[in-house]
């Protein structure tokens, strides 16, 4: 389950750049996955959907009409990468 802090970031539609996955406090539960996949860096881009009607559940922003439909994740596996903001915005 994602923390309220990470949900808040994604609800705002902001991509998250993680230059070193081993130092990402929001996904420390994925360390073994990162090691096995040799993942070094990543960008996470939220996919938001407009909500019609009165849906209320964990994935809907309480003060907006956005639903977190999913996330798009891009990994850099060979070496750590310093992603540019423009690359994150492209997603």
N, C-alpha and C. Protein backbone atom coordinates (compact mmCIF):
# COMPACT_ATOMS: atom_id res chain seq x y z
N UNK A 1 0.83 -1.18 0.00
CA UNK A 1 0.00 0.00 0.00
C UNK A 1 0.88 1.25 0.00
N UNK A 2 0.47 2.21 -0.78
CA UNK A 2 1.22 3.46 -0.83
C UNK A 2 0.84 4.36 0.33
N UNK A 3 1.81 5.12 0.78
CA UNK A 3 1.58 6.06 1.87
C UNK A 3 0.77 7.25 1.37
N UNK A 4 0.14 7.99 2.28
CA UNK A 4 -0.59 9.20 1.88
C UNK A 4 0.31 10.21 1.18
N UNK A 5 1.58 10.27 1.56
CA UNK A 5 2.52 11.21 0.93
C UNK A 5 2.75 10.89 -0.54
N UNK A 6 2.92 9.61 -0.84
CA UNK A 6 3.16 9.23 -2.23
C UNK A 6 1.88 9.41 -3.05
N UNK A 7 0.73 9.09 -2.46
CA UNK A 7 -0.54 9.30 -3.15
C UNK A 7 -0.75 10.77 -3.46
N UNK A 8 -0.43 11.63 -2.51
CA UNK A 8 -0.58 13.07 -2.71
C UNK A 8 0.27 13.55 -3.89
N UNK A 9 1.49 13.05 -3.97
CA UNK A 9 2.39 13.39 -5.08
C UNK A 9 1.78 12.94 -6.41
N UNK A 10 1.30 11.72 -6.45
CA UNK A 10 0.74 11.18 -7.70
C UNK A 10 -0.58 11.85 -8.07
N UNK A 11 -1.41 12.16 -7.09
CA UNK A 11 -2.68 12.85 -7.36
C UNK A 11 -2.46 14.19 -8.03
N UNK A 12 -1.34 14.81 -7.73
CA UNK A 12 -1.02 16.10 -8.35
C UNK A 12 -0.51 15.94 -9.78
N UNK A 13 -0.35 14.70 -10.22
CA UNK A 13 0.11 14.44 -11.57
C UNK A 13 1.59 14.61 -11.76
N UNK A 14 2.34 14.66 -10.67
CA UNK A 14 3.78 14.90 -10.74
C UNK A 14 4.54 13.59 -10.91
N UNK A 15 5.37 13.50 -11.95
CA UNK A 15 6.24 12.33 -12.05
C UNK A 15 7.30 12.40 -10.96
N UNK A 16 7.77 11.25 -10.55
CA UNK A 16 8.79 11.18 -9.50
C UNK A 16 10.05 10.58 -10.08
N UNK A 17 11.15 11.31 -9.94
CA UNK A 17 12.45 10.85 -10.43
C UNK A 17 13.23 10.27 -9.25
N UNK A 18 13.72 9.04 -9.43
CA UNK A 18 14.50 8.38 -8.38
C UNK A 18 15.85 7.99 -8.98
N UNK A 19 16.90 8.80 -8.75
CA UNK A 19 18.20 8.52 -9.35
C UNK A 19 18.90 7.29 -8.77
N UNK A 20 18.55 6.90 -7.53
CA UNK A 20 19.16 5.72 -6.90
C UNK A 20 18.06 4.98 -6.13
N UNK A 21 17.58 3.87 -6.69
CA UNK A 21 16.45 3.16 -6.09
C UNK A 21 16.76 2.61 -4.70
N UNK A 22 18.02 2.39 -4.41
CA UNK A 22 18.38 1.85 -3.10
C UNK A 22 18.22 2.89 -1.99
N UNK A 23 18.08 4.15 -2.36
CA UNK A 23 17.90 5.22 -1.38
C UNK A 23 16.49 5.81 -1.43
N UNK A 24 15.55 5.09 -2.04
CA UNK A 24 14.18 5.56 -2.14
C UNK A 24 13.38 5.07 -0.92
N UNK A 25 13.12 5.97 0.02
CA UNK A 25 12.44 5.57 1.25
C UNK A 25 10.99 5.17 1.03
N UNK A 26 10.41 5.59 -0.09
CA UNK A 26 9.00 5.26 -0.34
C UNK A 26 8.82 3.85 -0.87
N UNK A 27 9.87 3.22 -1.36
CA UNK A 27 9.72 1.86 -1.89
C UNK A 27 10.79 0.93 -1.33
N UNK A 28 11.11 1.08 -0.06
CA UNK A 28 12.12 0.20 0.53
C UNK A 28 11.67 -1.26 0.56
N UNK A 29 10.37 -1.50 0.40
CA UNK A 29 9.86 -2.88 0.37
C UNK A 29 10.21 -3.58 -0.95
N UNK A 30 10.72 -2.84 -1.93
CA UNK A 30 11.04 -3.41 -3.25
C UNK A 30 12.53 -3.65 -3.47
N UNK A 31 13.32 -3.55 -2.42
CA UNK A 31 14.78 -3.67 -2.56
C UNK A 31 15.18 -4.98 -3.23
N UNK A 32 14.59 -6.09 -2.83
CA UNK A 32 14.95 -7.38 -3.43
C UNK A 32 14.62 -7.39 -4.93
N UNK A 33 13.47 -6.83 -5.30
CA UNK A 33 13.08 -6.72 -6.70
C UNK A 33 14.10 -5.89 -7.49
N UNK A 34 14.56 -4.78 -6.90
CA UNK A 34 15.56 -3.94 -7.56
C UNK A 34 16.87 -4.70 -7.76
N UNK A 35 17.27 -5.47 -6.77
CA UNK A 35 18.53 -6.22 -6.86
C UNK A 35 18.43 -7.30 -7.94
N UNK A 36 17.37 -8.09 -7.91
CA UNK A 36 17.20 -9.16 -8.90
C UNK A 36 17.11 -8.59 -10.32
N UNK A 37 16.39 -7.49 -10.47
CA UNK A 37 16.24 -6.88 -11.79
C UNK A 37 17.38 -5.96 -12.18
N UNK A 38 18.35 -5.81 -11.29
CA UNK A 38 19.49 -4.92 -11.50
C UNK A 38 19.05 -3.49 -11.82
N UNK A 39 17.97 -3.06 -11.19
CA UNK A 39 17.41 -1.73 -11.41
C UNK A 39 18.21 -0.72 -10.61
N UNK A 40 18.64 0.34 -11.27
CA UNK A 40 19.46 1.36 -10.63
C UNK A 40 18.68 2.66 -10.37
N UNK A 41 17.90 3.08 -11.35
CA UNK A 41 17.18 4.35 -11.28
C UNK A 41 15.80 4.16 -11.91
N UNK A 42 14.90 5.11 -11.63
CA UNK A 42 13.57 4.99 -12.22
C UNK A 42 12.85 6.34 -12.25
N UNK A 43 11.87 6.39 -13.12
CA UNK A 43 10.91 7.50 -13.16
C UNK A 43 9.54 6.85 -12.99
N UNK A 44 8.71 7.44 -12.15
CA UNK A 44 7.35 6.97 -11.97
C UNK A 44 6.42 8.10 -12.37
N UNK A 45 5.57 7.84 -13.35
CA UNK A 45 4.62 8.85 -13.83
C UNK A 45 3.20 8.37 -13.54
N UNK A 46 2.43 9.16 -12.80
CA UNK A 46 1.05 8.75 -12.50
C UNK A 46 0.15 8.90 -13.73
N UNK A 47 -0.81 8.01 -13.83
CA UNK A 47 -1.83 8.08 -14.87
C UNK A 47 -3.14 8.42 -14.17
N UNK A 48 -3.65 9.62 -14.43
CA UNK A 48 -4.87 10.08 -13.77
C UNK A 48 -6.06 9.98 -14.71
N UNK A 49 -7.22 9.75 -14.14
CA UNK A 49 -8.45 9.65 -14.90
C UNK A 49 -9.48 10.57 -14.24
N UNK A 50 -10.23 11.30 -15.05
CA UNK A 50 -11.31 12.12 -14.51
C UNK A 50 -12.40 11.22 -13.96
N UNK A 51 -12.92 11.58 -12.81
CA UNK A 51 -13.97 10.81 -12.17
C UNK A 51 -15.32 11.46 -12.47
N UNK A 52 -16.24 10.66 -12.89
CA UNK A 52 -17.61 11.13 -13.14
C UNK A 52 -18.49 10.64 -11.99
N UNK A 53 -19.34 11.49 -11.51
CA UNK A 53 -20.23 11.09 -10.41
C UNK A 53 -19.53 11.24 -9.08
N UNK A 54 -19.99 10.50 -8.12
CA UNK A 54 -19.47 10.66 -6.75
C UNK A 54 -18.79 9.38 -6.28
N UNK A 55 -17.68 9.06 -6.89
CA UNK A 55 -16.90 7.91 -6.46
C UNK A 55 -16.07 8.30 -5.25
N UNK A 56 -16.07 7.49 -4.24
CA UNK A 56 -15.22 7.75 -3.08
C UNK A 56 -14.52 6.45 -2.69
N UNK A 57 -13.24 6.44 -2.88
CA UNK A 57 -12.40 5.34 -2.43
C UNK A 57 -10.96 5.81 -2.39
N UNK A 58 -10.06 4.95 -2.00
CA UNK A 58 -8.65 5.29 -1.76
C UNK A 58 -7.97 5.97 -2.93
N UNK A 59 -8.33 5.64 -4.15
CA UNK A 59 -7.61 6.13 -5.31
C UNK A 59 -8.14 7.45 -5.85
N UNK A 60 -9.23 7.96 -5.28
CA UNK A 60 -9.81 9.22 -5.74
C UNK A 60 -9.37 10.34 -4.82
N UNK A 61 -8.90 11.43 -5.41
CA UNK A 61 -8.48 12.60 -4.63
C UNK A 61 -9.72 13.17 -3.95
N UNK A 62 -9.71 13.33 -2.63
CA UNK A 62 -10.90 13.81 -1.93
C UNK A 62 -11.36 15.20 -2.37
N UNK A 63 -10.44 16.07 -2.78
CA UNK A 63 -10.79 17.45 -3.09
C UNK A 63 -10.79 17.75 -4.59
N UNK A 64 -10.57 16.76 -5.41
CA UNK A 64 -10.52 16.93 -6.86
C UNK A 64 -11.40 15.90 -7.55
N UNK A 65 -11.31 15.85 -8.84
CA UNK A 65 -12.05 14.84 -9.59
C UNK A 65 -11.08 13.90 -10.31
N UNK A 66 -9.93 13.67 -9.70
CA UNK A 66 -8.93 12.78 -10.29
C UNK A 66 -8.91 11.44 -9.58
N UNK A 67 -8.81 10.41 -10.38
CA UNK A 67 -8.63 9.05 -9.86
C UNK A 67 -7.26 8.57 -10.33
N UNK A 68 -6.49 8.02 -9.41
CA UNK A 68 -5.20 7.44 -9.78
C UNK A 68 -5.49 6.10 -10.44
N UNK A 69 -5.40 6.08 -11.76
CA UNK A 69 -5.74 4.89 -12.54
C UNK A 69 -4.57 3.89 -12.52
N UNK A 70 -3.34 4.42 -12.51
CA UNK A 70 -2.17 3.56 -12.50
C UNK A 70 -0.90 4.39 -12.55
N UNK A 71 0.22 3.73 -12.70
CA UNK A 71 1.50 4.42 -12.85
C UNK A 71 2.28 3.78 -13.99
N UNK A 72 3.08 4.61 -14.65
CA UNK A 72 3.99 4.14 -15.68
C UNK A 72 5.40 4.27 -15.10
N UNK A 73 6.15 3.19 -15.09
CA UNK A 73 7.48 3.20 -14.49
C UNK A 73 8.51 2.87 -15.57
N UNK A 74 9.56 3.68 -15.63
CA UNK A 74 10.67 3.44 -16.54
C UNK A 74 11.92 3.20 -15.69
N UNK A 75 12.59 2.09 -15.95
CA UNK A 75 13.80 1.74 -15.18
C UNK A 75 15.06 1.95 -16.01
N UNK A 76 16.13 2.32 -15.33
CA UNK A 76 17.48 2.29 -15.90
C UNK A 76 18.20 1.16 -15.16
N UNK A 77 18.66 0.16 -15.90
CA UNK A 77 19.19 -1.04 -15.25
C UNK A 77 20.70 -1.19 -15.32
N UNK A 78 21.33 -0.69 -16.30
CA UNK A 78 22.76 -0.93 -16.46
C UNK A 78 23.58 -0.07 -15.48
N UNK A 79 23.17 1.17 -15.33
CA UNK A 79 23.87 2.08 -14.41
C UNK A 79 22.89 3.13 -13.92
N UNK A 80 23.27 3.79 -12.83
CA UNK A 80 22.42 4.86 -12.31
C UNK A 80 22.32 5.96 -13.34
N UNK A 81 21.16 6.56 -13.38
CA UNK A 81 20.92 7.61 -14.38
C UNK A 81 20.33 8.82 -13.69
N UNK A 82 20.83 9.98 -14.06
CA UNK A 82 20.24 11.23 -13.59
C UNK A 82 19.24 11.66 -14.66
N UNK A 83 17.96 11.39 -14.40
CA UNK A 83 16.91 11.73 -15.35
C UNK A 83 16.70 13.23 -15.40
N UNK A 84 16.39 13.72 -16.54
CA UNK A 84 16.07 15.14 -16.71
C UNK A 84 14.58 15.34 -16.46
N UNK A 85 14.22 16.52 -15.97
CA UNK A 85 12.81 16.84 -15.77
C UNK A 85 12.02 16.71 -17.06
N UNK A 86 12.63 17.10 -18.17
CA UNK A 86 11.94 17.02 -19.46
C UNK A 86 11.62 15.57 -19.83
N UNK A 87 12.49 14.63 -19.44
CA UNK A 87 12.22 13.21 -19.71
C UNK A 87 11.04 12.72 -18.88
N UNK A 88 10.98 13.16 -17.64
CA UNK A 88 9.86 12.77 -16.77
C UNK A 88 8.56 13.37 -17.27
N UNK A 89 8.60 14.61 -17.72
CA UNK A 89 7.39 15.26 -18.23
C UNK A 89 6.89 14.61 -19.51
N UNK A 90 7.79 14.07 -20.28
CA UNK A 90 7.40 13.39 -21.52
C UNK A 90 6.49 12.20 -21.25
N UNK A 91 6.72 11.53 -20.13
CA UNK A 91 5.89 10.38 -19.76
C UNK A 91 4.51 10.85 -19.39
